[in-house]
C-alpha atoms as a PDB file:
ATOM      1  CA  MET A   1       6.525 -18.589  -3.766  1.00  0.00           C
ATOM      2  CA  LYS A   2       5.067 -16.476  -6.525  1.00  0.00           C
ATOM      3  CA  LEU A   3       1.394 -15.548  -6.654  1.00  0.00           C
ATOM      4  CA  GLU A   4       0.123 -14.426 -10.051  1.00  0.00           C
ATOM      5  CA  VAL A   5      -3.219 -12.767 -10.769  1.00  0.00           C
ATOM      6  CA  ARG A   6      -3.817 -13.263 -14.482  1.00  0.00           C
ATOM      7  CA  ASP A   7      -6.340 -11.313 -16.527  1.00  0.00           C
ATOM      8  CA  ILE A   8      -9.198 -11.292 -13.980  1.00  0.00           C
ATOM      9  CA  TYR A   9     -12.640 -10.082 -15.042  1.00  0.00           C
ATOM     10  CA  LYS A  10     -15.629  -9.799 -12.718  1.00  0.00           C
ATOM     11  CA  SER A  11     -19.204  -8.616 -13.199  1.00  0.00           C
ATOM     12  CA  PHE A  12     -22.067  -8.059 -10.765  1.00  0.00           C
ATOM     13  CA  SER A  13     -25.640  -7.955 -12.098  1.00  0.00           C
ATOM     14  CA  GLY A  14     -24.344  -7.550 -15.627  1.00  0.00           C
ATOM     15  CA  ARG A  15     -21.993  -4.662 -14.771  1.00  0.00           C
ATOM     16  CA  GLU A  16     -18.312  -5.393 -15.236  1.00  0.00           C
ATOM     17  CA  VAL A  17     -16.239  -4.091 -12.315  1.00  0.00           C
ATOM     18  CA  LEU A  18     -12.849  -5.698 -13.052  1.00  0.00           C
ATOM     19  CA  HIS A  19     -11.461  -5.462 -16.571  1.00  0.00           C
ATOM     20  CA  GLY A  20      -8.499  -7.809 -16.913  1.00  0.00           C
ATOM     21  CA  ILE A  21      -6.611  -7.337 -13.632  1.00  0.00           C
ATOM     22  CA  SER A  22      -3.057  -8.756 -13.693  1.00  0.00           C
ATOM     23  CA  PHE A  23      -0.167  -8.486 -11.237  1.00  0.00           C
ATOM     24  CA  SER A  24       2.207 -10.729  -9.299  1.00  0.00           C
ATOM     25  CA  VAL A  25       3.923 -10.833  -5.911  1.00  0.00           C
ATOM     26  CA  GLU A  26       6.782 -12.986  -4.625  1.00  0.00           C
ATOM     27  CA  SER A  27       7.855 -14.292  -1.228  1.00  0.00           C
ATOM     28  CA  GLY A  28      10.048 -11.924   0.731  1.00  0.00           C
ATOM     29  CA  LYS A  29       8.402  -8.908  -0.864  1.00  0.00           C
ATOM     30  CA  ALA A  30       5.331  -6.831  -0.170  1.00  0.00           C
ATOM     31  CA  LEU A  31       3.044  -5.633  -2.943  1.00  0.00           C
ATOM     32  CA  GLY A  32       1.086  -2.427  -2.393  1.00  0.00           C
ATOM     33  CA  LEU A  33      -2.381  -2.857  -3.905  1.00  0.00           C
ATOM     34  CA  LEU A  34      -3.655   0.693  -4.281  1.00  0.00           C
ATOM     35  CA  GLY A  35      -6.663   2.552  -5.616  1.00  0.00           C
ATOM     36  CA  ARG A  36      -9.447   4.974  -4.821  1.00  0.00           C
ATOM     37  CA  ASN A  37     -12.549   3.821  -2.964  1.00  0.00           C
ATOM     38  CA  GLY A  38     -14.564   1.600  -5.276  1.00  0.00           C
ATOM     39  CA  ALA A  39     -11.656   1.013  -7.663  1.00  0.00           C
ATOM     40  CA  GLY A  40     -11.822  -2.792  -7.325  1.00  0.00           C
ATOM     41  CA  LYS A  41      -9.204  -3.615  -4.678  1.00  0.00           C
ATOM     42  CA  THR A  42     -11.526  -5.470  -2.306  1.00  0.00           C
ATOM     43  CA  THR A  43     -13.197  -7.398  -5.142  1.00  0.00           C
ATOM     44  CA  THR A  44      -9.759  -8.457  -6.365  1.00  0.00           C
ATOM     45  CA  ILE A  45      -8.753  -9.603  -2.872  1.00  0.00           C
ATOM     46  CA  ARG A  46     -11.984 -11.544  -2.455  1.00  0.00           C
ATOM     47  CA  ILE A  47     -11.374 -13.338  -5.743  1.00  0.00           C
ATOM     48  CA  ILE A  48      -7.861 -14.264  -4.581  1.00  0.00           C
ATOM     49  CA  MET A  49      -9.416 -15.617  -1.374  1.00  0.00           C
ATOM     50  CA  ASN A  50     -12.063 -17.485  -3.424  1.00  0.00           C
ATOM     51  CA  PHE A  51     -14.925 -15.618  -1.735  1.00  0.00           C
ATOM     52  CA  PHE A  52     -16.002 -14.667  -5.264  1.00  0.00           C
ATOM     53  CA  GLU A  53     -15.415 -16.497  -8.524  1.00  0.00           C
ATOM     54  CA  ALA A  54     -13.967 -14.542 -11.412  1.00  0.00           C
ATOM     55  CA  ASN A  55     -15.953 -14.508 -14.631  1.00  0.00           C
ATOM     56  CA  LYS A  56     -12.678 -14.917 -16.476  1.00  0.00           C
ATOM     57  CA  GLY A  57      -9.023 -15.273 -15.533  1.00  0.00           C
ATOM     58  CA  ASP A  58      -7.084 -17.305 -12.994  1.00  0.00           C
ATOM     59  CA  ILE A  59      -4.898 -17.104  -9.891  1.00  0.00           C
ATOM     60  CA  TYR A  60      -1.680 -19.138  -9.870  1.00  0.00           C
ATOM     61  CA  LEU A  61       0.803 -20.001  -7.137  1.00  0.00           C
ATOM     62  CA  ASP A  62       4.180 -21.180  -8.438  1.00  0.00           C
ATOM     63  CA  GLY A  63       2.624 -21.920 -11.816  1.00  0.00           C
ATOM     64  CA  LYS A  64      -0.271 -24.024 -10.485  1.00  0.00           C
ATOM     65  CA  LYS A  65      -3.906 -23.040  -9.917  1.00  0.00           C
ATOM     66  CA  PHE A  66      -4.147 -21.407  -6.515  1.00  0.00           C
ATOM     67  CA  VAL A  67      -6.466 -23.159  -4.047  1.00  0.00           C
ATOM     68  CA  PRO A  68      -6.670 -20.970  -0.897  1.00  0.00           C
ATOM     69  CA  ARG A  69      -7.873 -23.748   1.416  1.00  0.00           C
ATOM     70  CA  ASN A  70      -4.622 -25.642   0.789  1.00  0.00           C
ATOM     71  CA  HIS A  71      -2.470 -22.852   2.204  1.00  0.00           C
ATOM     72  CA  ARG A  72      -1.996 -20.958   5.441  1.00  0.00           C
ATOM     73  CA  ILE A  73      -3.408 -17.517   4.693  1.00  0.00           C
ATOM     74  CA  GLY A  74      -3.761 -14.591   7.043  1.00  0.00           C
ATOM     75  CA  TYR A  75      -6.425 -12.188   5.803  1.00  0.00           C
ATOM     76  CA  LEU A  76      -7.343  -8.909   7.466  1.00  0.00           C
ATOM     77  CA  PRO A  77     -10.390  -7.443   5.700  1.00  0.00           C
ATOM     78  CA  GLU A  78     -11.135  -3.736   5.880  1.00  0.00           C
ATOM     79  CA  GLU A  79     -14.632  -4.596   7.141  1.00  0.00           C
ATOM     80  CA  ARG A  80     -14.105  -6.141  10.566  1.00  0.00           C
ATOM     81  CA  GLY A  81     -15.772  -9.484  11.162  1.00  0.00           C
ATOM     82  CA  LEU A  82     -15.223 -10.728  14.711  1.00  0.00           C
ATOM     83  CA  TYR A  83     -17.967 -11.310  17.270  1.00  0.00           C
ATOM     84  CA  PRO A  84     -18.408  -8.255  19.538  1.00  0.00           C
ATOM     85  CA  LYS A  85     -20.186 -10.095  22.346  1.00  0.00           C
ATOM     86  CA  LYS A  86     -17.771 -13.030  22.508  1.00  0.00           C
ATOM     87  CA  LYS A  87     -14.648 -13.150  24.669  1.00  0.00           C
ATOM     88  CA  VAL A  88     -11.395 -12.521  22.831  1.00  0.00           C
ATOM     89  CA  MET A  89      -9.645 -15.820  23.630  1.00  0.00           C
ATOM     90  CA  GLU A  90     -12.795 -17.837  23.066  1.00  0.00           C
ATOM     91  CA  GLN A  91     -13.227 -16.643  19.505  1.00  0.00           C
ATOM     92  CA  LEU A  92      -9.520 -16.813  18.624  1.00  0.00           C
ATOM     93  CA  ILE A  93      -9.472 -20.486  19.640  1.00  0.00           C
ATOM     94  CA  TYR A  94     -12.644 -21.048  17.616  1.00  0.00           C
ATOM     95  CA  LEU A  95     -11.122 -19.402  14.533  1.00  0.00           C
ATOM     96  CA  GLY A  96      -7.903 -21.392  14.959  1.00  0.00           C
ATOM     97  CA  ARG A  97      -9.892 -24.632  15.030  1.00  0.00           C
ATOM     98  CA  LEU A  98     -11.776 -23.596  11.867  1.00  0.00           C
ATOM     99  CA  ARG A  99      -8.421 -23.140  10.140  1.00  0.00           C
ATOM    100  CA  GLY A 100      -7.160 -26.607  11.052  1.00  0.00           C
ATOM    101  CA  LEU A 101      -5.269 -25.983  14.289  1.00  0.00           C
ATOM    102  CA  SER A 102      -5.744 -28.248  17.302  1.00  0.00           C
ATOM    103  CA  SER A 103      -7.252 -26.775  20.459  1.00  0.00           C
ATOM    104  CA  LYS A 104      -3.768 -26.707  22.025  1.00  0.00           C
ATOM    105  CA  GLU A 105      -2.209 -25.005  18.991  1.00  0.00           C
ATOM    106  CA  SER A 106      -5.050 -22.495  18.813  1.00  0.00           C
ATOM    107  CA  ARG A 107      -4.642 -21.528  22.463  1.00  0.00           C
ATOM    108  CA  GLU A 108      -0.837 -21.346  22.300  1.00  0.00           C
ATOM    109  CA  ASN A 109      -0.850 -19.296  19.094  1.00  0.00           C
ATOM    110  CA  ALA A 110      -3.572 -16.983  20.376  1.00  0.00           C
ATOM    111  CA  LEU A 111      -1.639 -16.327  23.597  1.00  0.00           C
ATOM    112  CA  TYR A 112       1.546 -15.664  21.642  1.00  0.00           C
ATOM    113  CA  TRP A 113      -0.095 -13.050  19.401  1.00  0.00           C
ATOM    114  CA  LEU A 114      -2.037 -11.424  22.225  1.00  0.00           C
ATOM    115  CA  LYS A 115       1.250 -11.019  24.103  1.00  0.00           C
ATOM    116  CA  ARG A 116       3.075  -9.838  21.007  1.00  0.00           C
ATOM    117  CA  LEU A 117       0.392  -7.223  20.360  1.00  0.00           C
ATOM    118  CA  ASP A 118       0.351  -6.238  24.048  1.00  0.00           C
ATOM    119  CA  ILE A 119      -3.305  -7.130  24.683  1.00  0.00           C
ATOM    120  CA  GLU A 120      -2.992 -10.345  26.717  1.00  0.00           C
ATOM    121  CA  GLU A 121      -4.787  -8.662  29.625  1.00  0.00           C
ATOM    122  CA  TYR A 122      -7.969  -8.519  27.541  1.00  0.00           C
ATOM    123  CA  LYS A 123      -8.106 -12.218  26.607  1.00  0.00           C
ATOM    124  CA  ASP A 124     -11.154 -12.876  28.817  1.00  0.00           C
ATOM    125  CA  LYS A 125     -12.956  -9.629  27.917  1.00  0.00           C
ATOM    126  CA  LYS A 126     -15.752  -9.319  25.396  1.00  0.00           C
ATOM    127  CA  LEU A 127     -14.524  -7.712  22.202  1.00  0.00           C
ATOM    128  CA  GLU A 128     -17.079  -4.892  22.359  1.00  0.00           C
ATOM    129  CA  THR A 129     -15.618  -3.656  25.679  1.00  0.00           C
ATOM    130  CA  LEU A 130     -12.239  -2.914  24.080  1.00  0.00           C
ATOM    131  CA  SER A 131     -11.143   0.363  22.517  1.00  0.00           C
ATOM    132  CA  LYS A 132     -11.115   0.663  18.742  1.00  0.00           C
ATOM    133  CA  GLY A 133      -7.337   0.290  18.649  1.00  0.00           C
ATOM    134  CA  ASN A 134      -7.366  -2.830  20.817  1.00  0.00           C
ATOM    135  CA  GLN A 135     -10.176  -4.328  18.741  1.00  0.00           C
ATOM    136  CA  GLN A 136      -7.963  -3.784  15.712  1.00  0.00           C
ATOM    137  CA  LYS A 137      -5.134  -5.624  17.471  1.00  0.00           C
ATOM    138  CA  VAL A 138      -7.446  -8.583  18.127  1.00  0.00           C
ATOM    139  CA  GLN A 139      -8.265  -8.567  14.398  1.00  0.00           C
ATOM    140  CA  LEU A 140      -4.541  -8.673  13.714  1.00  0.00           C
ATOM    141  CA  ALA A 141      -4.065 -11.544  16.175  1.00  0.00           C
ATOM    142  CA  GLN A 142      -6.607 -13.620  14.239  1.00  0.00           C
ATOM    143  CA  THR A 143      -4.855 -12.706  10.981  1.00  0.00           C
ATOM    144  CA  PHE A 144      -1.508 -14.061  12.189  1.00  0.00           C
ATOM    145  CA  LEU A 145      -2.978 -16.955  14.188  1.00  0.00           C
ATOM    146  CA  THR A 146      -1.824 -19.794  11.892  1.00  0.00           C
ATOM    147  CA  ASN A 147       1.654 -18.338  11.255  1.00  0.00           C
ATOM    148  CA  PRO A 148       0.603 -17.784   7.630  1.00  0.00           C
ATOM    149  CA  ASP A 149       2.756 -18.065   4.498  1.00  0.00           C
ATOM    150  CA  ILE A 150       0.488 -15.693   2.583  1.00  0.00           C
ATOM    151  CA  ILE A 151      -0.705 -12.495   4.266  1.00  0.00           C
ATOM    152  CA  ILE A 152      -3.275 -10.043   2.894  1.00  0.00           C
ATOM    153  CA  LEU A 153      -3.727  -6.852   4.916  1.00  0.00           C
ATOM    154  CA  ASP A 154      -6.431  -4.314   4.067  1.00  0.00           C
ATOM    155  CA  GLU A 155      -5.951  -1.041   6.023  1.00  0.00           C
ATOM    156  CA  PRO A 156      -4.096  -2.777   8.894  1.00  0.00           C
ATOM    157  CA  PHE A 157      -3.072   0.454  10.657  1.00  0.00           C
ATOM    158  CA  SER A 158      -6.639   1.687  11.078  1.00  0.00           C
ATOM    159  CA  GLY A 159      -7.211   2.873  14.660  1.00  0.00           C
ATOM    160  CA  LEU A 160      -3.630   2.291  15.827  1.00  0.00           C
ATOM    161  CA  ASP A 161      -1.713   4.959  17.727  1.00  0.00           C
ATOM    162  CA  PRO A 162       2.011   5.502  16.911  1.00  0.00           C
ATOM    163  CA  VAL A 163       3.241   3.034  19.558  1.00  0.00           C
ATOM    164  CA  ASN A 164       0.967   0.245  18.356  1.00  0.00           C
ATOM    165  CA  ALA A 165       1.672   1.136  14.728  1.00  0.00           C
ATOM    166  CA  GLN A 166       5.368   0.521  15.442  1.00  0.00           C
ATOM    167  CA  ILE A 167       4.560  -2.915  16.916  1.00  0.00           C
ATOM    168  CA  LEU A 168       2.708  -3.807  13.709  1.00  0.00           C
ATOM    169  CA  LYS A 169       5.502  -2.404  11.523  1.00  0.00           C
ATOM    170  CA  ASP A 170       7.991  -4.683  13.298  1.00  0.00           C
ATOM    171  CA  ILE A 171       5.728  -7.704  12.748  1.00  0.00           C
ATOM    172  CA  ILE A 172       5.232  -6.937   9.043  1.00  0.00           C
ATOM    173  CA  ASN A 173       8.979  -6.518   8.513  1.00  0.00           C
ATOM    174  CA  GLU A 174       9.598  -9.839  10.261  1.00  0.00           C
ATOM    175  CA  PHE A 175       7.170 -11.617   7.953  1.00  0.00           C
ATOM    176  CA  ILE A 176       8.870 -10.079   4.913  1.00  0.00           C
ATOM    177  CA  ASN A 177      12.315 -11.077   6.214  1.00  0.00           C
ATOM    178  CA  LYS A 178      11.021 -14.625   6.717  1.00  0.00           C
ATOM    179  CA  ASP A 179      10.131 -14.815   2.999  1.00  0.00           C
ATOM    180  CA  ARG A 180       6.396 -14.638   3.507  1.00  0.00           C
ATOM    181  CA  LEU A 181       4.242 -13.364   0.664  1.00  0.00           C
ATOM    182  CA  LEU A 182       2.423 -10.150   1.553  1.00  0.00           C
ATOM    183  CA  ILE A 183      -0.241  -8.048  -0.179  1.00  0.00           C
ATOM    184  CA  PHE A 184      -0.763  -4.707   1.517  1.00  0.00           C
ATOM    185  CA  SER A 185      -3.699  -2.433   0.709  1.00  0.00           C
ATOM    186  CA  SER A 186      -3.914   1.010   2.269  1.00  0.00           C
ATOM    187  CA  HIS A 187      -4.655   4.661   1.600  1.00  0.00           C
ATOM    188  CA  GLN A 188      -1.830   5.592   3.991  1.00  0.00           C
ATOM    189  CA  MET A 189       0.900   5.989   1.397  1.00  0.00           C
ATOM    190  CA  ASN A 190       3.704   6.406   3.941  1.00  0.00           C
ATOM    191  CA  TYR A 191       3.207   2.804   5.077  1.00  0.00           C
ATOM    192  CA  VAL A 192       3.075   1.521   1.496  1.00  0.00           C
ATOM    193  CA  GLU A 193       6.359   3.288   0.740  1.00  0.00           C
ATOM    194  CA  GLU A 194       7.920   1.827   3.884  1.00  0.00           C
ATOM    195  CA  PHE A 195       7.108  -1.836   3.182  1.00  0.00           C
ATOM    196  CA  CYS A 196       6.404  -2.351  -0.487  1.00  0.00           C
ATOM    197  CA  GLU A 197       8.975  -2.945  -3.211  1.00  0.00           C
ATOM    198  CA  ASP A 198       6.267  -3.198  -5.862  1.00  0.00           C
ATOM    199  CA  ILE A 199       2.871  -1.615  -6.375  1.00  0.00           C
ATOM    200  CA  ALA A 200      -0.235  -2.291  -8.445  1.00  0.00           C
ATOM    201  CA  LEU A 201      -2.549   0.699  -8.850  1.00  0.00           C
ATOM    202  CA  ILE A 202      -6.173  -0.020  -9.760  1.00  0.00           C
ATOM    203  CA  ASP A 203      -8.476   2.644 -11.169  1.00  0.00           C
ATOM    204  CA  LYS A 204     -12.054   1.866 -12.208  1.00  0.00           C
ATOM    205  CA  GLY A 205     -11.359  -1.855 -12.346  1.00  0.00           C
ATOM    206  CA  THR A 206      -8.210  -1.595 -14.468  1.00  0.00           C
ATOM    207  CA  ILE A 207      -4.528  -1.776 -13.547  1.00  0.00           C
ATOM    208  CA  VAL A 208      -3.159   1.615 -14.560  1.00  0.00           C
ATOM    209  CA  LEU A 209       0.319   1.319 -13.042  1.00  0.00           C
ATOM    210  CA  THR A 210       2.379  -1.619 -11.810  1.00  0.00           C
ATOM    211  CA  GLY A 211       6.011  -2.408 -11.147  1.00  0.00           C
ATOM    212  CA  ASN A 212       8.954  -1.649  -8.875  1.00  0.00           C
ATOM    213  CA  LEU A 213       8.195   1.429  -6.766  1.00  0.00           C
ATOM    214  CA  ASN A 214      11.704   2.899  -6.957  1.00  0.00           C
ATOM    215  CA  LYS A 215      11.779   2.593 -10.737  1.00  0.00           C
ATOM    216  CA  ILE A 216       8.329   4.196 -10.961  1.00  0.00           C
ATOM    217  CA  LYS A 217       9.501   7.093  -8.774  1.00  0.00           C
ATOM    218  CA  ARG A 218      12.533   7.639 -10.975  1.00  0.00           C
ATOM    219  CA  GLU A 219      10.379   7.624 -14.095  1.00  0.00           C
ATOM    220  CA  TYR A 220       7.892  10.112 -12.639  1.00  0.00           C
ATOM    221  CA  GLY A 221      10.742  12.331 -11.461  1.00  0.00           C
ATOM    222  CA  LYS A 222      12.421  12.304 -14.865  1.00  0.00           C
ATOM    223  CA  ASN A 223      13.215  15.781 -16.189  1.00  0.00           C
ATOM    224  CA  ARG A 224      11.848  17.433 -13.033  1.00  0.00           C
ATOM    225  CA  LEU A 225      13.742  19.537 -10.496  1.00  0.00           C
ATOM    226  CA  THR A 226      13.131  21.209  -7.145  1.00  0.00           C
ATOM    227  CA  VAL A 227      14.238  24.843  -6.924  1.00  0.00           C
ATOM    228  CA  SER A 228      14.096  27.724  -4.443  1.00  0.00           C
ATOM    229  CA  SER A 229      15.884  31.063  -4.103  1.00  0.00           C
ATOM    230  CA  LEU A 230      17.562  32.917  -1.240  1.00  0.00           C
ATOM    231  CA  SER A 231      16.429  36.352  -2.447  1.00  0.00           C
ATOM    232  CA  LEU A 232      13.117  35.697  -4.213  1.00  0.00           C
ATOM    233  CA  SER A 233       9.845  34.449  -2.783  1.00  0.00           C
ATOM    234  CA  LEU A 234       8.391  31.353  -4.408  1.00  0.00           C
ATOM    235  CA  GLU A 235       5.741  33.492  -6.120  1.00  0.00           C
ATOM    236  CA  GLN A 236       8.409  35.824  -7.535  1.00  0.00           C
ATOM    237  CA  LEU A 237      10.600  32.932  -8.619  1.00  0.00           C
ATOM    238  CA  LYS A 238       7.656  31.193 -10.285  1.00  0.00           C
ATOM    239  CA  ARG A 239       6.737  34.329 -12.270  1.00  0.00           C
ATOM    240  CA  LEU A 240      10.334  34.872 -13.359  1.00  0.00           C
ATOM    241  CA  ILE A 241      10.722  31.288 -14.576  1.00  0.00           C
ATOM    242  CA  GLU A 242       7.379  31.304 -16.393  1.00  0.00           C
ATOM    243  CA  ASP A 243       8.007  34.684 -18.027  1.00  0.00           C
ATOM    244  CA  GLU A 244      11.690  34.452 -18.932  1.00  0.00           C
ATOM    245  CA  MET A 245      12.629  30.748 -19.047  1.00  0.00           C
ATOM    246  CA  ASN A 246       9.651  29.191 -20.799  1.00  0.00           C
ATOM    247  CA  ASN A 247      11.864  27.983 -23.621  1.00  0.00           C
ATOM    248  CA  ILE A 248      13.519  25.613 -21.105  1.00  0.00           C
ATOM    249  CA  VAL A 249      10.743  25.043 -18.570  1.00  0.00           C
ATOM    250  CA  LYS A 250       7.520  23.243 -19.504  1.00  0.00           C
ATOM    251  CA  GLU A 251       5.612  23.526 -16.212  1.00  0.00           C
ATOM    252  CA  VAL A 252       6.072  25.049 -12.739  1.00  0.00           C
ATOM    253  CA  GLU A 253       4.297  23.790  -9.599  1.00  0.00           C
ATOM    254  CA  MET A 254       4.551  25.605  -6.280  1.00  0.00           C
ATOM    255  CA  LYS A 255       4.931  23.623  -3.068  1.00  0.00           C
ATOM    256  CA  LYS A 256       5.235  24.967   0.466  1.00  0.00           C
ATOM    257  CA  GLU A 257       9.019  25.431   0.476  1.00  0.00           C
ATOM    258  CA  TYR A 258      10.120  25.024  -3.150  1.00  0.00           C
ATOM    259  CA  LEU A 259       9.050  24.897  -6.786  1.00  0.00           C
ATOM    260  CA  ILE A 260       8.819  21.743  -8.842  1.00  0.00           C
ATOM    261  CA  ILE A 261       9.755  22.487 -12.414  1.00  0.00           C
ATOM    262  CA  GLU A 262       9.395  20.190 -15.397  1.00  0.00           C
ATOM    263  CA  LEU A 263      11.905  20.806 -18.142  1.00  0.00           C
ATOM    264  CA  GLN A 264      11.166  20.799 -21.830  1.00  0.00           C
ATOM    265  CA  GLU A 265      12.068  17.471 -23.395  1.00  0.00           C
ATOM    266  CA  ASP A 266      15.369  18.508 -25.001  1.00  0.00           C
ATOM    267  CA  TYR A 267      16.806  20.280 -21.934  1.00  0.00           C
ATOM    268  CA  THR A 268      18.759  19.078 -18.897  1.00  0.00           C
ATOM    269  CA  LYS A 269      19.261  20.251 -15.335  1.00  0.00           C
ATOM    270  CA  ASN A 270      22.568  21.843 -16.382  1.00  0.00           C
ATOM    271  CA  ASP A 271      20.745  23.887 -19.025  1.00  0.00           C
ATOM    272  CA  PHE A 272      18.364  25.185 -16.364  1.00  0.00           C
ATOM    273  CA  LEU A 273      21.180  25.950 -13.928  1.00  0.00           C
ATOM    274  CA  ARG A 274      23.108  27.943 -16.541  1.00  0.00           C
ATOM    275  CA  ALA A 275      19.957  29.890 -17.411  1.00  0.00           C
ATOM    276  CA  ALA A 276      19.277  30.583 -13.719  1.00  0.00           C
ATOM    277  CA  VAL A 277      22.804  31.936 -13.276  1.00  0.00           C
ATOM    278  CA  ASP A 278      22.340  34.131 -16.359  1.00  0.00           C
ATOM    279  CA  LYS A 279      19.164  35.533 -14.753  1.00  0.00           C
ATOM    280  CA  ASN A 280      21.068  36.231 -11.500  1.00  0.00           C
ATOM    281  CA  ILE A 281      18.812  33.889  -9.525  1.00  0.00           C
ATOM    282  CA  ASP A 282      20.375  33.292  -6.107  1.00  0.00           C
ATOM    283  CA  ILE A 283      19.795  29.539  -5.825  1.00  0.00           C
ATOM    284  CA  LYS A 284      19.013  28.113  -2.390  1.00  0.00           C
ATOM    285  CA  LYS A 285      17.732  24.647  -3.302  1.00  0.00           C
ATOM    286  CA  PHE A 286      18.456  22.804  -6.521  1.00  0.00           C
ATOM    287  CA  SER A 287      17.994  19.043  -6.829  1.00  0.00           C
ATOM    288  CA  ILE A 288      16.448  16.298  -8.923  1.00  0.00           C
ATOM    289  CA  TYR A 289      12.833  15.813  -7.891  1.00  0.00           C
ATOM    290  CA  GLU A 290      11.818  12.427  -6.501  1.00  0.00           C
ATOM    291  CA  PRO A 291       8.028  12.223  -6.192  1.00  0.00           C
ATOM    292  CA  GLY A 292       6.328  10.588  -3.242  1.00  0.00           C
ATOM    293  CA  LEU A 293       3.846   7.795  -3.796  1.00  0.00           C
ATOM    294  CA  GLU A 294       0.982  10.137  -2.965  1.00  0.00           C
ATOM    295  CA  ASP A 295       2.080  12.482  -5.788  1.00  0.00           C
ATOM    296  CA  ILE A 296       2.157   9.558  -8.213  1.00  0.00           C
ATOM    297  CA  PHE A 297      -1.223   8.310  -7.004  1.00  0.00           C
ATOM    298  CA  VAL A 298      -2.834  11.723  -7.459  1.00  0.00           C
ATOM    299  CA  LYS A 299      -1.267  12.242 -10.875  1.00  0.00           C
ATOM    300  CA  LYS A 300      -2.414   8.824 -12.085  1.00  0.00           C
ATOM    301  CA  VAL A 301      -5.973   8.680 -10.733  1.00  0.00           C
ATOM    302  CA  GLY A 302      -6.703  12.394 -10.383  1.00  0.00           C
ATOM    303  CA  GLU A 303      -7.818  12.757  -6.774  1.00  0.00           C
ATOM    304  CA  LYS A 304      -6.078  14.127  -3.694  1.00  0.00           C
END
């Protein structure tokens, strides 16, 4: 399957909040849908789910207009929506029935996911009596209830401790390996890097970066190196490079254990290494810089 979001515009009360959003995601892959708070991620997801209508643009699945009600979709919204005073099993069965499952299927599927998420013991408890992490796992159980082909997860790791986070990681990887289509939205960049082959970065209602994550990392790391010295502190090394190698080096950024240097356009890593040897710099670390997703995010949208 291939889901395509094509040139989506959306306005509220005359104010345009999405300005031609386009991206695509295929089965067997996860797309990281990223952006600052208020960038337009949730509005985009709600248009995909047909909770809102776009003012302009369309959603396609395998080249045909996408009709959400005709597909098994698992959606975990960031804003939680279950019933706090209802028993866990009771409302999972109810939600399964709303999504077209029989009573038997709803019960069997609910039990499977409660066991899988290690919360079967709470099936007859009211949701409000559970811890935040266990409430999140009930939300996840309802997301996976219909064994969905299309999965949209908005901050799925919220409230989960490391053990429960690992359970969810295993489930997400299984869905990807089973060729399910997955859109993953989170501010926790380590999870995005772990699951997502592709990303779409929204800023102020516009896609500002999209494509294969590894290719994007290589592009952002182009002409940049990591350097440290055995004999000089980072501050000393930074001053030396800025004062005596500025014909080769365009910019120097100091991290905790090394410097990130950006070379001038016409120079290579070998040029820098020769110059460092000429300056008698005792090199400890010298490698091509590969930025993390958080570095790319900050550079592109300007907020740590």
